[in-house]
Amino acid sequence: MKISASDQVKNWLAALPPQSKTRVRQALRGLEKGRGDIRALQKELSGWCRLRVDGLRIIYKTMPGQIILLEYADTRDVVYENFLKVLSRRSK
């Protein structure tokens, strides 16, 4: 599997403190192999999955051609609400 990240995820990752950045990168290496704290999302976010790394969440989707698209990332308390807003803006 190959990982591709949106600009939001790239900028978010670059802004993380070194320790958090290291943990996220390790989790992403595991995600490439199908490992990690992964869960399919439900309701409005059906079709998307999340990767949990401590209090951080990365929302992603597996695309054809074995590509994992990291779409949105943030802290647990705001990630789902903010991602729903992003999806709502896209659909308009």
PDB file of N, CA and C in Angstrom:
ATOM      1  N   MET A   1       0.842  -1.181   0.000  1.00  0.00           N
ATOM      2  CA  MET A   1       0.000   0.000   0.000  1.00  0.00           C
ATOM      3  C   MET A   1       0.887   1.244   0.000  1.00  0.00           C
ATOM      4  N   LYS A   2       0.418   2.240  -0.700  1.00  0.00           N
ATOM      5  CA  LYS A   2       1.114   3.516  -0.755  1.00  0.00           C
ATOM      6  C   LYS A   2       0.227   4.565  -0.093  1.00  0.00           C
ATOM      7  N   ILE A   3       0.840   5.481   0.646  1.00  0.00           N
ATOM      8  CA  ILE A   3       0.088   6.531   1.333  1.00  0.00           C
ATOM      9  C   ILE A   3       0.232   7.841   0.587  1.00  0.00           C
ATOM     10  N   SER A   4      -0.910   8.503   0.408  1.00  0.00           N
ATOM     11  CA  SER A   4      -0.957   9.836  -0.181  1.00  0.00           C
ATOM     12  C   SER A   4      -1.693  10.727   0.819  1.00  0.00           C
ATOM     13  N   ALA A   5      -1.217  11.945   1.013  1.00  0.00           N
ATOM     14  CA  ALA A   5      -1.820  12.831   2.013  1.00  0.00           C
ATOM     15  C   ALA A   5      -2.281  14.136   1.387  1.00  0.00           C
ATOM     16  N   SER A   6      -3.405  14.631   1.887  1.00  0.00           N
ATOM     17  CA  SER A   6      -3.908  15.936   1.457  1.00  0.00           C
ATOM     18  C   SER A   6      -2.982  17.026   2.005  1.00  0.00           C
ATOM     19  N   ASP A   7      -3.123  18.218   1.476  1.00  0.00           N
ATOM     20  CA  ASP A   7      -2.324  19.344   1.974  1.00  0.00           C
ATOM     21  C   ASP A   7      -2.605  19.600   3.451  1.00  0.00           C
ATOM     22  N   GLN A   8      -3.870  19.447   3.853  1.00  0.00           N
ATOM     23  CA  GLN A   8      -4.217  19.671   5.267  1.00  0.00           C
ATOM     24  C   GLN A   8      -3.431  18.718   6.154  1.00  0.00           C
ATOM     25  N   VAL A   9      -3.368  17.448   5.772  1.00  0.00           N
ATOM     26  CA  VAL A   9      -2.648  16.458   6.592  1.00  0.00           C
ATOM     27  C   VAL A   9      -1.147  16.756   6.588  1.00  0.00           C
ATOM     28  N   LYS A  10      -0.595  17.102   5.442  1.00  0.00           N
ATOM     29  CA  LYS A  10       0.839  17.428   5.367  1.00  0.00           C
ATOM     30  C   LYS A  10       1.176  18.603   6.272  1.00  0.00           C
ATOM     31  N   ASN A  11       0.370  19.658   6.220  1.00  0.00           N
ATOM     32  CA  ASN A  11       0.620  20.842   7.055  1.00  0.00           C
ATOM     33  C   ASN A  11       0.435  20.531   8.534  1.00  0.00           C
ATOM     34  N   TRP A  12      -0.585  19.734   8.849  1.00  0.00           N
ATOM     35  CA  TRP A  12      -0.844  19.337  10.232  1.00  0.00           C
ATOM     36  C   TRP A  12       0.333  18.539  10.784  1.00  0.00           C
ATOM     37  N   LEU A  13       0.826  17.595   9.997  1.00  0.00           N
ATOM     38  CA  LEU A  13       1.943  16.762  10.428  1.00  0.00           C
ATOM     39  C   LEU A  13       3.203  17.596  10.623  1.00  0.00           C
ATOM     40  N   ALA A  14       3.449  18.530   9.719  1.00  0.00           N
ATOM     41  CA  ALA A  14       4.636  19.384   9.831  1.00  0.00           C
ATOM     42  C   ALA A  14       4.591  20.249  11.079  1.00  0.00           C
ATOM     43  N   ALA A  15       3.392  20.598  11.549  1.00  0.00           N
ATOM     44  CA  ALA A  15       3.254  21.482  12.711  1.00  0.00           C
ATOM     45  C   ALA A  15       3.289  20.736  14.046  1.00  0.00           C
ATOM     46  N   LEU A  16       3.265  19.418  14.011  1.00  0.00           N
ATOM     47  CA  LEU A  16       3.278  18.646  15.257  1.00  0.00           C
ATOM     48  C   LEU A  16       4.621  18.763  15.961  1.00  0.00           C
ATOM     49  N   PRO A  17       4.615  18.667  17.296  1.00  0.00           N
ATOM     50  CA  PRO A  17       5.884  18.599  18.023  1.00  0.00           C
ATOM     51  C   PRO A  17       6.623  17.311  17.661  1.00  0.00           C
ATOM     52  N   PRO A  18       7.938  17.309  17.796  1.00  0.00           N
ATOM     53  CA  PRO A  18       8.747  16.155  17.358  1.00  0.00           C
ATOM     54  C   PRO A  18       8.287  14.799  17.883  1.00  0.00           C
ATOM     55  N   GLN A  19       7.946  14.711  19.163  1.00  0.00           N
ATOM     56  CA  GLN A  19       7.541  13.421  19.727  1.00  0.00           C
ATOM     57  C   GLN A  19       6.254  12.911  19.089  1.00  0.00           C
ATOM     58  N   SER A  20       5.285  13.788  18.940  1.00  0.00           N
ATOM     59  CA  SER A  20       4.016  13.398  18.314  1.00  0.00           C
ATOM     60  C   SER A  20       4.224  13.027  16.854  1.00  0.00           C
ATOM     61  N   LYS A  21       5.058  13.813  16.179  1.00  0.00           N
ATOM     62  CA  LYS A  21       5.330  13.550  14.765  1.00  0.00           C
ATOM     63  C   LYS A  21       5.940  12.160  14.592  1.00  0.00           C
ATOM     64  N   THR A  22       6.840  11.781  15.478  1.00  0.00           N
ATOM     65  CA  THR A  22       7.475  10.461  15.415  1.00  0.00           C
ATOM     66  C   THR A  22       6.437   9.357  15.601  1.00  0.00           C
ATOM     67  N   ARG A  23       5.538   9.517  16.587  1.00  0.00           N
ATOM     68  CA  ARG A  23       4.507   8.507  16.829  1.00  0.00           C
ATOM     69  C   ARG A  23       3.556   8.389  15.644  1.00  0.00           C
ATOM     70  N   VAL A  24       3.183   9.526  15.049  1.00  0.00           N
ATOM     71  CA  VAL A  24       2.280   9.490  13.895  1.00  0.00           C
ATOM     72  C   VAL A  24       2.963   8.799  12.722  1.00  0.00           C
ATOM     73  N   ARG A  25       4.204   9.112  12.467  1.00  0.00           N
ATOM     74  CA  ARG A  25       4.917   8.479  11.348  1.00  0.00           C
ATOM     75  C   ARG A  25       5.038   6.966  11.544  1.00  0.00           C
ATOM     76  N   GLN A  26       5.281   6.539  12.782  1.00  0.00           N
ATOM     77  CA  GLN A  26       5.329   5.104  13.064  1.00  0.00           C
ATOM     78  C   GLN A  26       3.968   4.460  12.813  1.00  0.00           C
ATOM     79  N   ALA A  27       2.904   5.148  13.227  1.00  0.00           N
ATOM     80  CA  ALA A  27       1.549   4.624  13.012  1.00  0.00           C
ATOM     81  C   ALA A  27       1.234   4.551  11.520  1.00  0.00           C
ATOM     82  N   LEU A  28       1.699   5.514  10.755  1.00  0.00           N
ATOM     83  CA  LEU A  28       1.458   5.494   9.307  1.00  0.00           C
ATOM     84  C   LEU A  28       2.201   4.350   8.637  1.00  0.00           C
ATOM     85  N   ARG A  29       3.397   4.035   9.108  1.00  0.00           N
ATOM     86  CA  ARG A  29       4.108   2.867   8.575  1.00  0.00           C
ATOM     87  C   ARG A  29       3.323   1.590   8.869  1.00  0.00           C
ATOM     88  N   GLY A  30       2.723   1.510  10.056  1.00  0.00           N
ATOM     89  CA  GLY A  30       1.880   0.365  10.390  1.00  0.00           C
ATOM     90  C   GLY A  30       0.630   0.325   9.528  1.00  0.00           C
ATOM     91  N   LEU A  31       0.034   1.497   9.262  1.00  0.00           N
ATOM     92  CA  LEU A  31      -1.169   1.569   8.434  1.00  0.00           C
ATOM     93  C   LEU A  31      -0.902   1.017   7.040  1.00  0.00           C
ATOM     94  N   GLU A  32       0.271   1.273   6.500  1.00  0.00           N
ATOM     95  CA  GLU A  32       0.638   0.728   5.180  1.00  0.00           C
ATOM     96  C   GLU A  32       0.533  -0.792   5.159  1.00  0.00           C
ATOM     97  N   LYS A  33       0.740  -1.410   6.333  1.00  0.00           N
ATOM     98  CA  LYS A  33       0.705  -2.868   6.446  1.00  0.00           C
ATOM     99  C   LYS A  33      -0.613  -3.354   7.042  1.00  0.00           C
ATOM    100  N   GLY A  34      -1.581  -2.445   7.184  1.00  0.00           N
ATOM    101  CA  GLY A  34      -2.884  -2.821   7.714  1.00  0.00           C
ATOM    102  C   GLY A  34      -2.924  -2.983   9.209  1.00  0.00           C
ATOM    103  N   ARG A  35      -1.967  -2.391   9.903  1.00  0.00           N
ATOM    104  CA  ARG A  35      -1.901  -2.503  11.367  1.00  0.00           C
ATOM    105  C   ARG A  35      -2.149  -1.147  12.002  1.00  0.00           C
ATOM    106  N   GLY A  36      -2.571  -1.181  13.249  1.00  0.00           N
ATOM    107  CA  GLY A  36      -2.773   0.041  14.011  1.00  0.00           C
ATOM    108  C   GLY A  36      -4.167   0.083  14.602  1.00  0.00           C
ATOM    109  N   ASP A  37      -4.445   1.151  15.308  1.00  0.00           N
ATOM    110  CA  ASP A  37      -5.761   1.353  15.903  1.00  0.00           C
ATOM    111  C   ASP A  37      -6.650   1.967  14.834  1.00  0.00           C
ATOM    112  N   ILE A  38      -7.245   1.096  14.031  1.00  0.00           N
ATOM    113  CA  ILE A  38      -8.013   1.479  12.846  1.00  0.00           C
ATOM    114  C   ILE A  38      -9.481   1.141  13.095  1.00  0.00           C
ATOM    115  N   ARG A  39     -10.358   2.034  12.679  1.00  0.00           N
ATOM    116  CA  ARG A  39     -11.784   1.762  12.817  1.00  0.00           C
ATOM    117  C   ARG A  39     -12.539   2.381  11.652  1.00  0.00           C
ATOM    118  N   ALA A  40     -13.505   1.653  11.119  1.00  0.00           N
ATOM    119  CA  ALA A  40     -14.379   2.189  10.075  1.00  0.00           C
ATOM    120  C   ALA A  40     -15.355   3.162  10.731  1.00  0.00           C
ATOM    121  N   LEU A  41     -15.577   4.297  10.096  1.00  0.00           N
ATOM    122  CA  LEU A  41     -16.496   5.291  10.627  1.00  0.00           C
ATOM    123  C   LEU A  41     -17.913   4.981  10.171  1.00  0.00           C
ATOM    124  N   GLN A  42     -18.883   5.542  10.873  1.00  0.00           N
ATOM    125  CA  GLN A  42     -20.283   5.243  10.597  1.00  0.00           C
ATOM    126  C   GLN A  42     -21.070   6.522  10.340  1.00  0.00           C
ATOM    127  N   LYS A  43     -22.335   6.357  10.046  1.00  0.00           N
ATOM    128  CA  LYS A  43     -23.300   7.430   9.794  1.00  0.00           C
ATOM    129  C   LYS A  43     -22.824   8.341   8.677  1.00  0.00           C
ATOM    130  N   GLU A  44     -22.703   9.639   8.949  1.00  0.00           N
ATOM    131  CA  GLU A  44     -22.348  10.602   7.900  1.00  0.00           C
ATOM    132  C   GLU A  44     -20.972  10.340   7.301  1.00  0.00           C
ATOM    133  N   LEU A  45     -20.115   9.673   8.049  1.00  0.00           N
ATOM    134  CA  LEU A  45     -18.744   9.423   7.594  1.00  0.00           C
ATOM    135  C   LEU A  45     -18.541   7.974   7.132  1.00  0.00           C
ATOM    136  N   SER A  46     -19.628   7.318   6.834  1.00  0.00           N
ATOM    137  CA  SER A  46     -19.534   5.953   6.336  1.00  0.00           C
ATOM    138  C   SER A  46     -18.685   5.932   5.059  1.00  0.00           C
ATOM    139  N   GLY A  47     -17.825   4.942   4.950  1.00  0.00           N
ATOM    140  CA  GLY A  47     -16.921   4.844   3.809  1.00  0.00           C
ATOM    141  C   GLY A  47     -15.526   5.354   4.136  1.00  0.00           C
ATOM    142  N   TRP A  48     -15.398   6.058   5.245  1.00  0.00           N
ATOM    143  CA  TRP A  48     -14.107   6.558   5.714  1.00  0.00           C
ATOM    144  C   TRP A  48     -13.653   5.743   6.910  1.00  0.00           C
ATOM    145  N   CYS A  49     -12.359   5.754   7.183  1.00  0.00           N
ATOM    146  CA  CYS A  49     -11.796   5.086   8.355  1.00  0.00           C
ATOM    147  C   CYS A  49     -10.988   6.096   9.146  1.00  0.00           C
ATOM    148  N   ARG A  50     -10.672   5.722  10.366  1.00  0.00           N
ATOM    149  CA  ARG A  50      -9.805   6.583  11.153  1.00  0.00           C
ATOM    150  C   ARG A  50      -8.662   5.769  11.739  1.00  0.00           C
ATOM    151  N   LEU A  51      -7.529   6.439  11.852  1.00  0.00           N
ATOM    152  CA  LEU A  51      -6.357   5.887  12.520  1.00  0.00           C
ATOM    153  C   LEU A  51      -6.170   6.701  13.785  1.00  0.00           C
ATOM    154  N   ARG A  52      -6.121   6.024  14.932  1.00  0.00           N
ATOM    155  CA  ARG A  52      -5.938   6.712  16.212  1.00  0.00           C
ATOM    156  C   ARG A  52      -4.476   6.624  16.620  1.00  0.00           C
ATOM    157  N   VAL A  53      -3.925   7.766  16.997  1.00  0.00           N
ATOM    158  CA  VAL A  53      -2.576   7.836  17.550  1.00  0.00           C
ATOM    159  C   VAL A  53      -2.673   8.727  18.782  1.00  0.00           C
ATOM    160  N   ASP A  54      -2.739   8.108  19.943  1.00  0.00           N
ATOM    161  CA  ASP A  54      -2.963   8.834  21.196  1.00  0.00           C
ATOM    162  C   ASP A  54      -4.236   9.678  21.060  1.00  0.00           C
ATOM    163  N   GLY A  55      -4.163  10.983  21.298  1.00  0.00           N
ATOM    164  CA  GLY A  55      -5.333  11.852  21.198  1.00  0.00           C
ATOM    165  C   GLY A  55      -5.530  12.430  19.815  1.00  0.00           C
ATOM    166  N   LEU A  56      -4.823  11.898  18.840  1.00  0.00           N
ATOM    167  CA  LEU A  56      -4.893  12.409  17.467  1.00  0.00           C
ATOM    168  C   LEU A  56      -5.647  11.421  16.595  1.00  0.00           C
ATOM    169  N   ARG A  57      -6.302  11.961  15.554  1.00  0.00           N
ATOM    170  CA  ARG A  57      -7.035  11.109  14.619  1.00  0.00           C
ATOM    171  C   ARG A  57      -6.698  11.520  13.193  1.00  0.00           C
ATOM    172  N   ILE A  58      -6.556  10.523  12.338  1.00  0.00           N
ATOM    173  CA  ILE A  58      -6.341  10.750  10.915  1.00  0.00           C
ATOM    174  C   ILE A  58      -7.468  10.032  10.180  1.00  0.00           C
ATOM    175  N   ILE A  59      -8.217  10.778   9.381  1.00  0.00           N
ATOM    176  CA  ILE A  59      -9.308  10.205   8.605  1.00  0.00           C
ATOM    177  C   ILE A  59      -8.775   9.880   7.220  1.00  0.00           C
ATOM    178  N   TYR A  60      -9.058   8.665   6.782  1.00  0.00           N
ATOM    179  CA  TYR A  60      -8.516   8.217   5.499  1.00  0.00           C
ATOM    180  C   TYR A  60      -9.501   7.296   4.785  1.00  0.00           C
ATOM    181  N   LYS A  61      -9.174   7.039   3.516  1.00  0.00           N
ATOM    182  CA  LYS A  61      -9.961   6.127   2.685  1.00  0.00           C
ATOM    183  C   LYS A  61      -8.985   5.319   1.839  1.00  0.00           C
ATOM    184  N   THR A  62      -9.275   4.036   1.669  1.00  0.00           N
ATOM    185  CA  THR A  62      -8.465   3.208   0.784  1.00  0.00           C
ATOM    186  C   THR A  62      -9.029   3.333  -0.621  1.00  0.00           C
ATOM    187  N   MET A  63      -8.174   3.725  -1.550  1.00  0.00           N
ATOM    188  CA  MET A  63      -8.576   3.978  -2.932  1.00  0.00           C
ATOM    189  C   MET A  63      -8.152   2.809  -3.814  1.00  0.00           C
ATOM    190  N   PRO A  64      -8.734   2.705  -5.012  1.00  0.00           N
ATOM    191  CA  PRO A  64      -8.295   1.672  -5.948  1.00  0.00           C
ATOM    192  C   PRO A  64      -6.797   1.806  -6.245  1.00  0.00           C
ATOM    193  N   GLY A  65      -6.162   0.717  -6.500  1.00  0.00           N
ATOM    194  CA  GLY A  65      -4.732   0.724  -6.780  1.00  0.00           C
ATOM    195  C   GLY A  65      -3.903   0.687  -5.516  1.00  0.00           C
ATOM    196  N   GLN A  66      -4.520   0.262  -4.420  1.00  0.00           N
ATOM    197  CA  GLN A  66      -3.844   0.126  -3.121  1.00  0.00           C
ATOM    198  C   GLN A  66      -3.209   1.432  -2.661  1.00  0.00           C
ATOM    199  N   ILE A  67      -3.979   2.509  -2.731  1.00  0.00           N
ATOM    200  CA  ILE A  67      -3.526   3.814  -2.245  1.00  0.00           C
ATOM    201  C   ILE A  67      -4.371   4.184  -1.035  1.00  0.00           C
ATOM    202  N   ILE A  68      -3.711   4.573   0.029  1.00  0.00           N
ATOM    203  CA  ILE A  68      -4.393   5.064   1.220  1.00  0.00           C
ATOM    204  C   ILE A  68      -4.347   6.583   1.146  1.00  0.00           C
ATOM    205  N   LEU A  69      -5.525   7.199   1.078  1.00  0.00           N
ATOM    206  CA  LEU A  69      -5.610   8.652   0.984  1.00  0.00           C
ATOM    207  C   LEU A  69      -5.906   9.226   2.364  1.00  0.00           C
ATOM    208  N   LEU A  70      -4.895   9.895   2.946  1.00  0.00           N
ATOM    209  CA  LEU A  70      -5.089  10.570   4.225  1.00  0.00           C
ATOM    210  C   LEU A  70      -5.748  11.902   3.911  1.00  0.00           C
ATOM    211  N   GLU A  71      -6.976  12.065   4.368  1.00  0.00           N
ATOM    212  CA  GLU A  71      -7.762  13.226   3.967  1.00  0.00           C
ATOM    213  C   GLU A  71      -7.778  14.345   5.000  1.00  0.00           C
ATOM    214  N   TYR A  72      -7.881  13.996   6.294  1.00  0.00           N
ATOM    215  CA  TYR A  72      -8.009  15.032   7.319  1.00  0.00           C
ATOM    216  C   TYR A  72      -7.432  14.515   8.625  1.00  0.00           C
ATOM    217  N   ALA A  73      -6.793  15.395   9.385  1.00  0.00           N
ATOM    218  CA  ALA A  73      -6.206  15.008  10.668  1.00  0.00           C
ATOM    219  C   ALA A  73      -6.324  16.160  11.657  1.00  0.00           C
ATOM    220  N   ASP A  74      -6.545  15.794  12.903  1.00  0.00           N
ATOM    221  CA  ASP A  74      -6.640  16.793  13.967  1.00  0.00           C
ATOM    222  C   ASP A  74      -6.743  16.055  15.298  1.00  0.00           C
ATOM    223  N   THR A  75      -6.997  16.812  16.357  1.00  0.00           N
ATOM    224  CA  THR A  75      -7.171  16.195  17.667  1.00  0.00           C
ATOM    225  C   THR A  75      -8.555  15.566  17.750  1.00  0.00           C
ATOM    226  N   ARG A  76      -8.691  14.615  18.635  1.00  0.00           N
ATOM    227  CA  ARG A  76      -9.925  13.842  18.765  1.00  0.00           C
ATOM    228  C   ARG A  76     -11.142  14.721  19.010  1.00  0.00           C
ATOM    229  N   ASP A  77     -10.983  15.786  19.769  1.00  0.00           N
ATOM    230  CA  ASP A  77     -12.133  16.598  20.150  1.00  0.00           C
ATOM    231  C   ASP A  77     -12.748  17.396  19.008  1.00  0.00           C
ATOM    232  N   VAL A  78     -12.036  17.598  17.907  1.00  0.00           N
ATOM    233  CA  VAL A  78     -12.571  18.420  16.812  1.00  0.00           C
ATOM    234  C   VAL A  78     -12.521  17.761  15.435  1.00  0.00           C
ATOM    235  N   VAL A  79     -11.845  16.659  15.292  1.00  0.00           N
ATOM    236  CA  VAL A  79     -11.575  16.109  13.962  1.00  0.00           C
ATOM    237  C   VAL A  79     -12.840  15.749  13.184  1.00  0.00           C
ATOM    238  N   TYR A  80     -13.790  15.097  13.821  1.00  0.00           N
ATOM    239  CA  TYR A  80     -14.968  14.632  13.090  1.00  0.00           C
ATOM    240  C   TYR A  80     -15.868  15.802  12.694  1.00  0.00           C
ATOM    241  N   GLU A  81     -16.089  16.718  13.621  1.00  0.00           N
ATOM    242  CA  GLU A  81     -16.904  17.902  13.338  1.00  0.00           C
ATOM    243  C   GLU A  81     -16.289  18.735  12.208  1.00  0.00           C
ATOM    244  N   ASN A  82     -14.980  18.962  12.272  1.00  0.00           N
ATOM    245  CA  ASN A  82     -14.312  19.757  11.238  1.00  0.00           C
ATOM    246  C   ASN A  82     -14.310  19.047   9.887  1.00  0.00           C
ATOM    247  N   PHE A  83     -14.120  17.736   9.896  1.00  0.00           N
ATOM    248  CA  PHE A  83     -14.117  17.004   8.632  1.00  0.00           C
ATOM    249  C   PHE A  83     -15.507  17.021   7.990  1.00  0.00           C
ATOM    250  N   LEU A  84     -16.542  16.918   8.787  1.00  0.00           N
ATOM    251  CA  LEU A  84     -17.897  17.016   8.239  1.00  0.00           C
ATOM    252  C   LEU A  84     -18.113  18.375   7.567  1.00  0.00           C
ATOM    253  N   LYS A  85     -17.575  19.433   8.153  1.00  0.00           N
ATOM    254  CA  LYS A  85     -17.683  20.767   7.541  1.00  0.00           C
ATOM    255  C   LYS A  85     -16.950  20.807   6.202  1.00  0.00           C
ATOM    256  N   VAL A  86     -15.776  20.191   6.147  1.00  0.00           N
ATOM    257  CA  VAL A  86     -15.006  20.135   4.896  1.00  0.00           C
ATOM    258  C   VAL A  86     -15.812  19.400   3.825  1.00  0.00           C
ATOM    259  N   LEU A  87     -16.378  18.263   4.184  1.00  0.00           N
ATOM    260  CA  LEU A  87     -17.172  17.498   3.223  1.00  0.00           C
ATOM    261  C   LEU A  87     -18.400  18.272   2.773  1.00  0.00           C
ATOM    262  N   SER A  88     -19.013  18.996   3.676  1.00  0.00           N
ATOM    263  CA  SER A  88     -20.197  19.789   3.342  1.00  0.00           C
ATOM    264  C   SER A  88     -19.845  20.889   2.341  1.00  0.00           C
ATOM    265  N   ARG A  89     -18.708  21.561   2.545  1.00  0.00           N
ATOM    266  CA  ARG A  89     -18.271  22.612   1.617  1.00  0.00           C
ATOM    267  C   ARG A  89     -17.969  22.034   0.237  1.00  0.00           C
ATOM    268  N   ARG A  90     -17.409  20.835   0.193  1.00  0.00           N
ATOM    269  CA  ARG A  90     -17.070  20.204  -1.080  1.00  0.00           C
ATOM    270  C   ARG A  90     -18.320  19.868  -1.896  1.00  0.00           C
ATOM    271  N   SER A  91     -19.380  19.486  -1.198  1.00  0.00           N
ATOM    272  CA  SER A  91     -20.576  19.042  -1.908  1.00  0.00           C
ATOM    273  C   SER A  91     -21.392  20.213  -2.459  1.00  0.00           C
ATOM    274  N   LYS A  92     -21.066  21.425  -2.087  1.00  0.00           N
ATOM    275  CA  LYS A  92     -21.804  22.612  -2.582  1.00  0.00           C
ATOM    276  C   LYS A  92     -21.245  23.108  -3.875  1.00  0.00           C
TER     277      LYS A  92
END
